[in-house]
């Protein structure tokens, strides 16, 4: 891409992919906001793709969660427990007999 400079150090956050979203609001410290703003600038320089901070934050949070081994273990344990319990009861299940 024109103006796209290849940086020697790759950012942890790679190019973004589209996915369905849910709106959240959060408050940042001034220091964190300055650093995140710098990150968006570095992201644009690295990938030639200028993004708003609000576009990068979900991917940054996802990358953080994916890299947290304790969280990933807990997530796997909870998913296994849900699978062991089976699907939730469904009132419209045709196999359930109706009382007379």
PDB file of N, CA and C in Angstrom:
ATOM      1  N   UNK A   1       0.844  -1.191   0.000  1.00  0.00           N
ATOM      2  CA  UNK A   1       0.000   0.000   0.000  1.00  0.00           C
ATOM      3  C   UNK A   1       0.881   1.243   0.000  1.00  0.00           C
ATOM      4  N   UNK A   2       0.475   2.290  -0.677  1.00  0.00           N
ATOM      5  CA  UNK A   2       1.261   3.515  -0.660  1.00  0.00           C
ATOM      6  C   UNK A   2       1.322   4.077   0.753  1.00  0.00           C
ATOM      7  N   UNK A   3       2.491   4.571   1.149  1.00  0.00           N
ATOM      8  CA  UNK A   3       2.653   5.130   2.482  1.00  0.00           C
ATOM      9  C   UNK A   3       2.770   4.084   3.569  1.00  0.00           C
ATOM     10  N   UNK A   4       2.682   2.826   3.203  1.00  0.00           N
ATOM     11  CA  UNK A   4       2.755   1.715   4.151  1.00  0.00           C
ATOM     12  C   UNK A   4       4.224   1.424   4.433  1.00  0.00           C
ATOM     13  N   UNK A   5       4.645   1.640   5.673  1.00  0.00           N
ATOM     14  CA  UNK A   5       6.026   1.357   6.058  1.00  0.00           C
ATOM     15  C   UNK A   5       6.065   0.051   6.819  1.00  0.00           C
ATOM     16  N   UNK A   6       6.945  -0.816   6.431  1.00  0.00           N
ATOM     17  CA  UNK A   6       7.120  -2.079   7.148  1.00  0.00           C
ATOM     18  C   UNK A   6       7.963  -1.785   8.376  1.00  0.00           C
ATOM     19  N   UNK A   7       7.464  -2.111   9.549  1.00  0.00           N
ATOM     20  CA  UNK A   7       8.182  -1.866  10.794  1.00  0.00           C
ATOM     21  C   UNK A   7       9.010  -3.089  11.135  1.00  0.00           C
ATOM     22  N   UNK A   8      10.140  -2.859  11.770  1.00  0.00           N
ATOM     23  CA  UNK A   8      10.995  -3.964  12.186  1.00  0.00           C
ATOM     24  C   UNK A   8      10.321  -4.799  13.264  1.00  0.00           C
ATOM     25  N   UNK A   9       9.584  -4.165  14.155  1.00  0.00           N
ATOM     26  CA  UNK A   9       8.909  -4.871  15.229  1.00  0.00           C
ATOM     27  C   UNK A   9       7.442  -5.027  14.869  1.00  0.00           C
ATOM     28  N   UNK A  10       6.980  -6.252  14.802  1.00  0.00           N
ATOM     29  CA  UNK A  10       5.568  -6.502  14.501  1.00  0.00           C
ATOM     30  C   UNK A  10       4.737  -6.222  15.745  1.00  0.00           C
ATOM     31  N   UNK A  11       3.576  -5.656  15.552  1.00  0.00           N
ATOM     32  CA  UNK A  11       2.657  -5.439  16.661  1.00  0.00           C
ATOM     33  C   UNK A  11       1.986  -6.756  17.006  1.00  0.00           C
ATOM     34  N   UNK A  12       1.612  -6.914  18.253  1.00  0.00           N
ATOM     35  CA  UNK A  12       0.915  -8.128  18.676  1.00  0.00           C
ATOM     36  C   UNK A  12      -0.434  -8.240  17.974  1.00  0.00           C
ATOM     37  N   UNK A  13      -1.071  -7.106  17.746  1.00  0.00           N
ATOM     38  CA  UNK A  13      -2.377  -7.075  17.094  1.00  0.00           C
ATOM     39  C   UNK A  13      -2.188  -7.076  15.586  1.00  0.00           C
ATOM     40  N   UNK A  14      -2.731  -8.077  14.925  1.00  0.00           N
ATOM     41  CA  UNK A  14      -2.638  -8.165  13.469  1.00  0.00           C
ATOM     42  C   UNK A  14      -3.801  -7.456  12.809  1.00  0.00           C
ATOM     43  N   UNK A  15      -3.930  -7.584  11.492  1.00  0.00           N
ATOM     44  CA  UNK A  15      -5.054  -6.971  10.779  1.00  0.00           C
ATOM     45  C   UNK A  15      -6.396  -7.451  11.339  1.00  0.00           C
ATOM     46  N   UNK A  16      -7.369  -6.555  11.360  1.00  0.00           N
ATOM     47  CA  UNK A  16      -8.674  -6.858  11.953  1.00  0.00           C
ATOM     48  C   UNK A  16      -9.577  -7.625  10.999  1.00  0.00           C
ATOM     49  N   UNK A  17     -10.463  -8.423  11.576  1.00  0.00           N
ATOM     50  CA  UNK A  17     -11.481  -9.161  10.832  1.00  0.00           C
ATOM     51  C   UNK A  17     -12.841  -8.658  11.288  1.00  0.00           C
ATOM     52  N   UNK A  18     -13.828  -8.694  10.416  1.00  0.00           N
ATOM     53  CA  UNK A  18     -15.191  -8.244  10.750  1.00  0.00           C
ATOM     54  C   UNK A  18     -15.921  -9.329  11.531  1.00  0.00           C
ATOM     55  N   UNK A  19     -16.704  -8.915  12.513  1.00  0.00           N
ATOM     56  CA  UNK A  19     -17.509  -9.834  13.304  1.00  0.00           C
ATOM     57  C   UNK A  19     -18.673  -9.043  13.895  1.00  0.00           C
ATOM     58  N   UNK A  20     -19.762  -9.719  14.240  1.00  0.00           N
ATOM     59  CA  UNK A  20     -20.906  -9.055  14.873  1.00  0.00           C
ATOM     60  C   UNK A  20     -20.438  -8.400  16.174  1.00  0.00           C
ATOM     61  N   UNK A  21     -21.067  -7.294  16.544  1.00  0.00           N
ATOM     62  CA  UNK A  21     -20.615  -6.538  17.709  1.00  0.00           C
ATOM     63  C   UNK A  21     -21.733  -6.291  18.713  1.00  0.00           C
ATOM     64  N   UNK A  22     -21.334  -5.970  19.936  1.00  0.00           N
ATOM     65  CA  UNK A  22     -22.218  -5.543  21.014  1.00  0.00           C
ATOM     66  C   UNK A  22     -21.606  -4.261  21.558  1.00  0.00           C
ATOM     67  N   UNK A  23     -22.413  -3.226  21.756  1.00  0.00           N
ATOM     68  CA  UNK A  23     -21.886  -1.939  22.207  1.00  0.00           C
ATOM     69  C   UNK A  23     -21.643  -1.936  23.713  1.00  0.00           C
ATOM     70  N   UNK A  24     -20.467  -1.447  24.118  1.00  0.00           N
ATOM     71  CA  UNK A  24     -20.091  -1.269  25.516  1.00  0.00           C
ATOM     72  C   UNK A  24     -19.484   0.124  25.657  1.00  0.00           C
ATOM     73  N   UNK A  25     -19.514   0.662  26.864  1.00  0.00           N
ATOM     74  CA  UNK A  25     -18.896   1.949  27.149  1.00  0.00           C
ATOM     75  C   UNK A  25     -17.882   1.745  28.260  1.00  0.00           C
ATOM     76  N   UNK A  26     -16.706   2.382  28.147  1.00  0.00           N
ATOM     77  CA  UNK A  26     -15.719   2.258  29.208  1.00  0.00           C
ATOM     78  C   UNK A  26     -15.003   3.579  29.410  1.00  0.00           C
ATOM     79  N   UNK A  27     -14.392   3.724  30.567  1.00  0.00           N
ATOM     80  CA  UNK A  27     -13.646   4.916  30.923  1.00  0.00           C
ATOM     81  C   UNK A  27     -12.179   4.538  31.042  1.00  0.00           C
ATOM     82  N   UNK A  28     -11.306   5.356  30.447  1.00  0.00           N
ATOM     83  CA  UNK A  28      -9.869   5.095  30.446  1.00  0.00           C
ATOM     84  C   UNK A  28      -9.141   6.168  31.239  1.00  0.00           C
ATOM     85  N   UNK A  29      -8.004   5.812  31.811  1.00  0.00           N
ATOM     86  CA  UNK A  29      -7.150   6.834  32.412  1.00  0.00           C
ATOM     87  C   UNK A  29      -6.538   7.654  31.281  1.00  0.00           C
ATOM     88  N   UNK A  30      -6.102   8.871  31.592  1.00  0.00           N
ATOM     89  CA  UNK A  30      -5.484   9.708  30.562  1.00  0.00           C
ATOM     90  C   UNK A  30      -4.224   9.050  30.010  1.00  0.00           C
ATOM     91  N   UNK A  31      -3.431   8.446  30.882  1.00  0.00           N
ATOM     92  CA  UNK A  31      -2.197   7.789  30.445  1.00  0.00           C
ATOM     93  C   UNK A  31      -2.505   6.642  29.497  1.00  0.00           C
ATOM     94  N   UNK A  32      -3.463   5.805  29.864  1.00  0.00           N
ATOM     95  CA  UNK A  32      -3.824   4.680  29.005  1.00  0.00           C
ATOM     96  C   UNK A  32      -4.363   5.178  27.666  1.00  0.00           C
ATOM     97  N   UNK A  33      -5.169   6.230  27.697  1.00  0.00           N
ATOM     98  CA  UNK A  33      -5.711   6.781  26.453  1.00  0.00           C
ATOM     99  C   UNK A  33      -4.587   7.280  25.543  1.00  0.00           C
ATOM    100  N   UNK A  34      -3.598   7.976  26.105  1.00  0.00           N
ATOM    101  CA  UNK A  34      -2.463   8.448  25.299  1.00  0.00           C
ATOM    102  C   UNK A  34      -1.723   7.273  24.669  1.00  0.00           C
ATOM    103  N   UNK A  35      -1.484   6.228  25.462  1.00  0.00           N
ATOM    104  CA  UNK A  35      -0.754   5.069  24.949  1.00  0.00           C
ATOM    105  C   UNK A  35      -1.559   4.325  23.887  1.00  0.00           C
ATOM    106  N   UNK A  36      -2.857   4.211  24.085  1.00  0.00           N
ATOM    107  CA  UNK A  36      -3.699   3.557  23.085  1.00  0.00           C
ATOM    108  C   UNK A  36      -3.769   4.380  21.800  1.00  0.00           C
ATOM    109  N   UNK A  37      -3.789   5.694  21.941  1.00  0.00           N
ATOM    110  CA  UNK A  37      -3.775   6.564  20.768  1.00  0.00           C
ATOM    111  C   UNK A  37      -2.477   6.379  19.991  1.00  0.00           C
ATOM    112  N   UNK A  38      -1.355   6.289  20.697  1.00  0.00           N
ATOM    113  CA  UNK A  38      -0.076   6.013  20.045  1.00  0.00           C
ATOM    114  C   UNK A  38      -0.127   4.658  19.348  1.00  0.00           C
ATOM    115  N   UNK A  39      -0.760   3.680  19.989  1.00  0.00           N
ATOM    116  CA  UNK A  39      -0.869   2.350  19.378  1.00  0.00           C
ATOM    117  C   UNK A  39      -1.640   2.429  18.064  1.00  0.00           C
ATOM    118  N   UNK A  40      -2.712   3.208  18.023  1.00  0.00           N
ATOM    119  CA  UNK A  40      -3.474   3.329  16.772  1.00  0.00           C
ATOM    120  C   UNK A  40      -2.612   3.950  15.674  1.00  0.00           C
ATOM    121  N   UNK A  41      -1.752   4.894  16.052  1.00  0.00           N
ATOM    122  CA  UNK A  41      -0.846   5.500  15.073  1.00  0.00           C
ATOM    123  C   UNK A  41       0.151   4.462  14.556  1.00  0.00           C
ATOM    124  N   UNK A  42       0.731   3.675  15.456  1.00  0.00           N
ATOM    125  CA  UNK A  42       1.674   2.626  15.058  1.00  0.00           C
ATOM    126  C   UNK A  42       0.988   1.561  14.209  1.00  0.00           C
ATOM    127  N   UNK A  43      -0.255   1.261  14.545  1.00  0.00           N
ATOM    128  CA  UNK A  43      -1.030   0.285  13.766  1.00  0.00           C
ATOM    129  C   UNK A  43      -1.182   0.779  12.325  1.00  0.00           C
ATOM    130  N   UNK A  44      -1.533   2.043  12.168  1.00  0.00           N
ATOM    131  CA  UNK A  44      -1.704   2.620  10.829  1.00  0.00           C
ATOM    132  C   UNK A  44      -0.386   2.604  10.060  1.00  0.00           C
ATOM    133  N   UNK A  45       0.713   2.936  10.730  1.00  0.00           N
ATOM    134  CA  UNK A  45       2.026   2.919  10.080  1.00  0.00           C
ATOM    135  C   UNK A  45       2.425   1.497   9.689  1.00  0.00           C
ATOM    136  N   UNK A  46       2.129   0.544  10.546  1.00  0.00           N
ATOM    137  CA  UNK A  46       2.531  -0.847  10.312  1.00  0.00           C
ATOM    138  C   UNK A  46       1.731  -1.493   9.198  1.00  0.00           C
ATOM    139  N   UNK A  47       0.405  -1.314   9.220  1.00  0.00           N
ATOM    140  CA  UNK A  47      -0.471  -2.023   8.291  1.00  0.00           C
ATOM    141  C   UNK A  47      -1.027  -1.149   7.170  1.00  0.00           C
ATOM    142  N   UNK A  48      -0.750   0.161   7.211  1.00  0.00           N
ATOM    143  CA  UNK A  48      -1.303   1.046   6.191  1.00  0.00           C
ATOM    144  C   UNK A  48      -2.817   1.109   6.262  1.00  0.00           C
ATOM    145  N   UNK A  49      -3.353   0.924   7.460  1.00  0.00           N
ATOM    146  CA  UNK A  49      -4.800   0.842   7.671  1.00  0.00           C
ATOM    147  C   UNK A  49      -5.146   1.663   8.909  1.00  0.00           C
ATOM    148  N   UNK A  50      -5.502   2.926   8.707  1.00  0.00           N
ATOM    149  CA  UNK A  50      -5.838   3.796   9.834  1.00  0.00           C
ATOM    150  C   UNK A  50      -7.174   3.363  10.428  1.00  0.00           C
ATOM    151  N   UNK A  51      -7.164   3.052  11.695  1.00  0.00           N
ATOM    152  CA  UNK A  51      -8.379   2.640  12.407  1.00  0.00           C
ATOM    153  C   UNK A  51      -8.583   3.542  13.610  1.00  0.00           C
ATOM    154  N   UNK A  52      -9.839   3.694  14.007  1.00  0.00           N
ATOM    155  CA  UNK A  52     -10.169   4.424  15.225  1.00  0.00           C
ATOM    156  C   UNK A  52      -9.871   3.531  16.423  1.00  0.00           C
ATOM    157  N   UNK A  53      -9.589   4.164  17.547  1.00  0.00           N
ATOM    158  CA  UNK A  53      -9.313   3.419  18.770  1.00  0.00           C
ATOM    159  C   UNK A  53     -10.451   2.458  19.090  1.00  0.00           C
ATOM    160  N   UNK A  54     -11.690   2.913  18.925  1.00  0.00           N
ATOM    161  CA  UNK A  54     -12.831   2.053  19.249  1.00  0.00           C
ATOM    162  C   UNK A  54     -12.903   0.824  18.345  1.00  0.00           C
ATOM    163  N   UNK A  55     -12.263   0.881  17.183  1.00  0.00           N
ATOM    164  CA  UNK A  55     -12.213  -0.290  16.306  1.00  0.00           C
ATOM    165  C   UNK A  55     -11.130  -1.273  16.744  1.00  0.00           C
ATOM    166  N   UNK A  56     -10.049  -0.770  17.321  1.00  0.00           N
ATOM    167  CA  UNK A  56      -8.940  -1.628  17.735  1.00  0.00           C
ATOM    168  C   UNK A  56      -9.149  -2.258  19.108  1.00  0.00           C
ATOM    169  N   UNK A  57      -9.826  -1.556  20.000  1.00  0.00           N
ATOM    170  CA  UNK A  57      -9.974  -2.056  21.374  1.00  0.00           C
ATOM    171  C   UNK A  57     -10.560  -3.463  21.466  1.00  0.00           C
ATOM    172  N   UNK A  58     -11.631  -3.802  20.761  1.00  0.00           N
ATOM    173  CA  UNK A  58     -12.149  -5.170  20.875  1.00  0.00           C
ATOM    174  C   UNK A  58     -11.112  -6.229  20.493  1.00  0.00           C
ATOM    175  N   UNK A  59     -10.361  -5.973  19.431  1.00  0.00           N
ATOM    176  CA  UNK A  59      -9.339  -6.935  19.015  1.00  0.00           C
ATOM    177  C   UNK A  59      -8.208  -7.006  20.037  1.00  0.00           C
ATOM    178  N   UNK A  60      -7.872  -5.886  20.649  1.00  0.00           N
ATOM    179  CA  UNK A  60      -6.826  -5.869  21.669  1.00  0.00           C
ATOM    180  C   UNK A  60      -7.274  -6.658  22.899  1.00  0.00           C
ATOM    181  N   UNK A  61      -8.516  -6.459  23.305  1.00  0.00           N
ATOM    182  CA  UNK A  61      -9.039  -7.202  24.454  1.00  0.00           C
ATOM    183  C   UNK A  61      -9.118  -8.692  24.150  1.00  0.00           C
ATOM    184  N   UNK A  62      -9.527  -9.040  22.938  1.00  0.00           N
ATOM    185  CA  UNK A  62      -9.580 -10.441  22.537  1.00  0.00           C
ATOM    186  C   UNK A  62      -8.187 -11.063  22.572  1.00  0.00           C
ATOM    187  N   UNK A  63      -7.195 -10.351  22.038  1.00  0.00           N
ATOM    188  CA  UNK A  63      -5.818 -10.854  22.050  1.00  0.00           C
ATOM    189  C   UNK A  63      -5.341 -11.062  23.484  1.00  0.00           C
ATOM    190  N   UNK A  64      -5.713 -10.141  24.379  1.00  0.00           N
ATOM    191  CA  UNK A  64      -5.338 -10.282  25.785  1.00  0.00           C
ATOM    192  C   UNK A  64      -5.960 -11.545  26.381  1.00  0.00           C
ATOM    193  N   UNK A  65      -7.257 -11.739  26.161  1.00  0.00           N
ATOM    194  CA  UNK A  65      -7.931 -12.922  26.705  1.00  0.00           C
ATOM    195  C   UNK A  65      -7.360 -14.209  26.125  1.00  0.00           C
ATOM    196  N   UNK A  66      -7.057 -14.219  24.838  1.00  0.00           N
ATOM    197  CA  UNK A  66      -6.498 -15.410  24.199  1.00  0.00           C
ATOM    198  C   UNK A  66      -5.120 -15.744  24.759  1.00  0.00           C
ATOM    199  N   UNK A  67      -4.374 -14.735  25.196  1.00  0.00           N
ATOM    200  CA  UNK A  67      -3.022 -14.969  25.709  1.00  0.00           C
ATOM    201  C   UNK A  67      -2.992 -15.252  27.210  1.00  0.00           C
ATOM    202  N   UNK A  68      -4.123 -15.127  27.894  1.00  0.00           N
ATOM    203  CA  UNK A  68      -4.197 -15.374  29.339  1.00  0.00           C
ATOM    204  C   UNK A  68      -4.458 -16.860  29.569  1.00  0.00           C
ATOM    205  N   UNK A  69      -3.416 -17.596  29.921  1.00  0.00           N
ATOM    206  CA  UNK A  69      -3.528 -19.051  30.056  1.00  0.00           C
ATOM    207  C   UNK A  69      -4.500 -19.471  31.159  1.00  0.00           C
ATOM    208  N   UNK A  70      -4.486 -18.763  32.275  1.00  0.00           N
ATOM    209  CA  UNK A  70      -5.400 -19.110  33.370  1.00  0.00           C
ATOM    210  C   UNK A  70      -6.846 -18.924  32.922  1.00  0.00           C
ATOM    211  N   UNK A  71      -7.119 -17.844  32.212  1.00  0.00           N
ATOM    212  CA  UNK A  71      -8.472 -17.609  31.709  1.00  0.00           C
ATOM    213  C   UNK A  71      -8.865 -18.694  30.722  1.00  0.00           C
ATOM    214  N   UNK A  72      -7.969 -19.060  29.819  1.00  0.00           N
ATOM    215  CA  UNK A  72      -8.273 -20.088  28.820  1.00  0.00           C
ATOM    216  C   UNK A  72      -8.565 -21.433  29.480  1.00  0.00           C
ATOM    217  N   UNK A  73      -7.823 -21.778  30.544  1.00  0.00           N
ATOM    218  CA  UNK A  73      -8.101 -23.024  31.280  1.00  0.00           C
ATOM    219  C   UNK A  73      -9.484 -22.969  31.919  1.00  0.00           C
ATOM    220  N   UNK A  74      -9.803 -21.838  32.558  1.00  0.00           N
ATOM    221  CA  UNK A  74     -11.111 -21.685  33.204  1.00  0.00           C
ATOM    222  C   UNK A  74     -12.233 -21.743  32.171  1.00  0.00           C
ATOM    223  N   UNK A  75     -12.032 -21.134  31.032  1.00  0.00           N
ATOM    224  CA  UNK A  75     -13.028 -21.142  29.964  1.00  0.00           C
ATOM    225  C   UNK A  75     -13.271 -22.564  29.476  1.00  0.00           C
ATOM    226  N   UNK A  76     -12.204 -23.312  29.281  1.00  0.00           N
ATOM    227  CA  UNK A  76     -12.314 -24.696  28.818  1.00  0.00           C
ATOM    228  C   UNK A  76     -13.056 -25.547  29.856  1.00  0.00           C
ATOM    229  N   UNK A  77     -12.755 -25.341  31.138  1.00  0.00           N
ATOM    230  CA  UNK A  77     -13.423 -26.082  32.209  1.00  0.00           C
ATOM    231  C   UNK A  77     -14.914 -25.774  32.227  1.00  0.00           C
ATOM    232  N   UNK A  78     -15.269 -24.511  32.114  1.00  0.00           N
ATOM    233  CA  UNK A  78     -16.695 -24.137  32.120  1.00  0.00           C
ATOM    234  C   UNK A  78     -17.431 -24.692  30.914  1.00  0.00           C
ATOM    235  N   UNK A  79     -16.791 -24.656  29.763  1.00  0.00           N
ATOM    236  CA  UNK A  79     -17.433 -25.213  28.564  1.00  0.00           C
ATOM    237  C   UNK A  79     -17.649 -26.708  28.725  1.00  0.00           C
ATOM    238  N   UNK A  80     -16.675 -27.403  29.289  1.00  0.00           N
ATOM    239  CA  UNK A  80     -16.805 -28.843  29.508  1.00  0.00           C
ATOM    240  C   UNK A  80     -17.959 -29.141  30.468  1.00  0.00           C
ATOM    241  N   UNK A  81     -18.082 -28.356  31.536  1.00  0.00           N
ATOM    242  CA  UNK A  81     -19.173 -28.548  32.498  1.00  0.00           C
ATOM    243  C   UNK A  81     -20.526 -28.348  31.823  1.00  0.00           C
ATOM    244  N   UNK A  82     -20.626 -27.334  30.969  1.00  0.00           N
ATOM    245  CA  UNK A  82     -21.889 -27.094  30.255  1.00  0.00           C
ATOM    246  C   UNK A  82     -22.215 -28.255  29.334  1.00  0.00           C
ATOM    247  N   UNK A  83     -21.213 -28.782  28.643  1.00  0.00           N
ATOM    248  CA  UNK A  83     -21.433 -29.920  27.741  1.00  0.00           C
ATOM    249  C   UNK A  83     -21.869 -31.150  28.523  1.00  0.00           C
ATOM    250  N   UNK A  84     -21.297 -31.355  29.714  1.00  0.00           N
ATOM    251  CA  UNK A  84     -21.655 -32.506  30.543  1.00  0.00           C
ATOM    252  C   UNK A  84     -23.102 -32.426  31.011  1.00  0.00           C
ATOM    253  N   UNK A  85     -23.599 -31.212  31.223  1.00  0.00           N
ATOM    254  CA  UNK A  85     -24.988 -31.031  31.668  1.00  0.00           C
ATOM    255  C   UNK A  85     -25.972 -31.257  30.535  1.00  0.00           C
ATOM    256  N   UNK A  86     -25.516 -31.175  29.308  1.00  0.00           N
ATOM    257  CA  UNK A  86     -26.408 -31.344  28.163  1.00  0.00           C
ATOM    258  C   UNK A  86     -27.082 -30.042  27.810  1.00  0.00           C
ATOM    259  N   UNK A  87     -27.886 -30.067  26.759  1.00  0.00           N
ATOM    260  CA  UNK A  87     -28.560 -28.842  26.321  1.00  0.00           C
ATOM    261  C   UNK A  87     -29.620 -28.416  27.333  1.00  0.00           C
ATOM    262  N   UNK A  88     -29.904 -27.119  27.403  1.00  0.00           N
ATOM    263  CA  UNK A  88     -30.948 -26.649  28.320  1.00  0.00           C
ATOM    264  C   UNK A  88     -32.304 -27.206  27.905  1.00  0.00           C
ATOM    265  N   UNK A  89     -33.189 -27.363  28.888  1.00  0.00           N
ATOM    266  CA  UNK A  89     -34.542 -27.865  28.613  1.00  0.00           C
ATOM    267  C   UNK A  89     -35.257 -26.898  27.685  1.00  0.00           C
ATOM    268  N   UNK A  90     -36.054 -27.456  26.772  1.00  0.00           N
ATOM    269  CA  UNK A  90     -36.789 -26.643  25.804  1.00  0.00           C
ATOM    270  C   UNK A  90     -38.271 -26.939  25.983  1.00  0.00           C
ATOM    271  N   UNK A  91     -39.051 -25.920  26.292  1.00  0.00           N
ATOM    272  CA  UNK A  91     -40.491 -26.095  26.506  1.00  0.00           C
ATOM    273  C   UNK A  91     -41.201 -26.562  25.242  1.00  0.00           C
ATOM    274  N   UNK A  92     -40.632 -26.305  24.083  1.00  0.00           N
ATOM    275  CA  UNK A  92     -41.261 -26.682  22.819  1.00  0.00           C
ATOM    276  C   UNK A  92     -40.731 -28.003  22.274  1.00  0.00           C
ATOM    277  N   UNK A  93     -40.024 -28.756  23.073  1.00  0.00           N
ATOM    278  CA  UNK A  93     -39.453 -30.030  22.633  1.00  0.00           C
ATOM    279  C   UNK A  93     -40.583 -31.010  22.354  1.00  0.00           C
ATOM    280  N   UNK A  94     -40.622 -31.567  21.149  1.00  0.00           N
ATOM    281  CA  UNK A  94     -41.700 -32.468  20.747  1.00  0.00           C
ATOM    282  C   UNK A  94     -41.656 -33.800  21.477  1.00  0.00           C
ATOM    283  N   UNK A  95     -40.505 -34.165  22.042  1.00  0.00           N
ATOM    284  CA  UNK A  95     -40.402 -35.453  22.729  1.00  0.00           C
ATOM    285  C   UNK A  95     -40.944 -35.386  24.151  1.00  0.00           C
ATOM    286  N   UNK A  96     -41.216 -34.195  24.636  1.00  0.00           N
ATOM    287  CA  UNK A  96     -41.745 -34.047  25.989  1.00  0.00           C
ATOM    288  C   UNK A  96     -43.249 -34.273  25.970  1.00  0.00           C
ATOM    289  N   UNK A  97     -43.719 -35.125  26.875  1.00  0.00           N
ATOM    290  CA  UNK A  97     -45.162 -35.386  26.928  1.00  0.00           C
ATOM    291  C   UNK A  97     -45.851 -34.277  27.692  1.00  0.00           C
ATOM    292  N   UNK A  98     -46.993 -33.872  27.185  1.00  0.00           N
ATOM    293  CA  UNK A  98     -47.802 -32.856  27.836  1.00  0.00           C
ATOM    294  C   UNK A  98     -48.658 -33.520  28.904  1.00  0.00           C
ATOM    295  N   UNK A  99     -48.828 -32.889  30.067  1.00  0.00           N
ATOM    296  CA  UNK A  99     -49.727 -33.453  31.080  1.00  0.00           C
ATOM    297  C   UNK A  99     -51.166 -33.400  30.589  1.00  0.00           C
ATOM    298  N   UNK A 100     -52.014 -34.373  30.963  1.00  0.00           N
ATOM    299  CA  UNK A 100     -53.422 -34.384  30.500  1.00  0.00           C
ATOM    300  C   UNK A 100     -54.228 -33.242  31.049  1.00  0.00           C
TER     301      UNK A 100
END
